[in-house]
């Protein structure tokens, strides 16, 4: 089997873009945390145009103290073109704070609408995703409603792979921006909500299974404090 090695300049472009994204992060955060996230993303083809998607994510508290977040996000998508998909879905987002007495559990239910575009540039896979969320928050016996816009861009850059990039080693680089469109006074009193930048190696076992292991930097504005998260993330992507 002939092995293709991506030219170094394409890898450098991805790394440079990632570093630029980090430089644009705000630096006035008051709190620094260290977390770990385990993320599984799956797409199931239903028919030529329809598909089912599901994301499950488990997050740790600061310094891996305990599991404090569970996210479950199913959705139904329709391909309006070979590389364009619209999706509608629901998100369960539960968080626990075991360090406070009494212990706190906060629930957020979301409905989301999404438009995703996938392109390929010299075997590098580029994904642009636009997501609009309706957030129903239940925090310490108070209920609130807010809406948020998210823009996500990712590049999967093949490093050592077969000619069709159906198997082999790659580099994943991504960034996601979160903006409060409605109800910011219920969230953090700020139009800017958070930003996530990520980079890490991945291995494609087949067309149906990817595994990634990387670093994410998240800058988040809260009502009481701004948080800088250093996150170790493991990602499993499957599709059938």
Foldseek 3Di string as FASTA:
>chain_A
DDKDFDDVVVVVVQVVVLVVVVVPDDDPFDAEFEKEKEKEKEWEDDDPFKIKIKIWMWMAGGPNPDTFKIKIKIWMWGDPDPFKIKIKIKMWIWGWDVVDVPIFIKIKIKIKIKMKGWDADQNKIKIWMKMKIWIWIQGPNDTDIWIKIKIKMKIWAFGIAPPNRFWFKTKMWMKMFMATPGDVVVWAVHRGAKMKTKIFMKTRHGNFKIKTWIWMWMWGHGNVTIYTYIYTYIYIYGYD
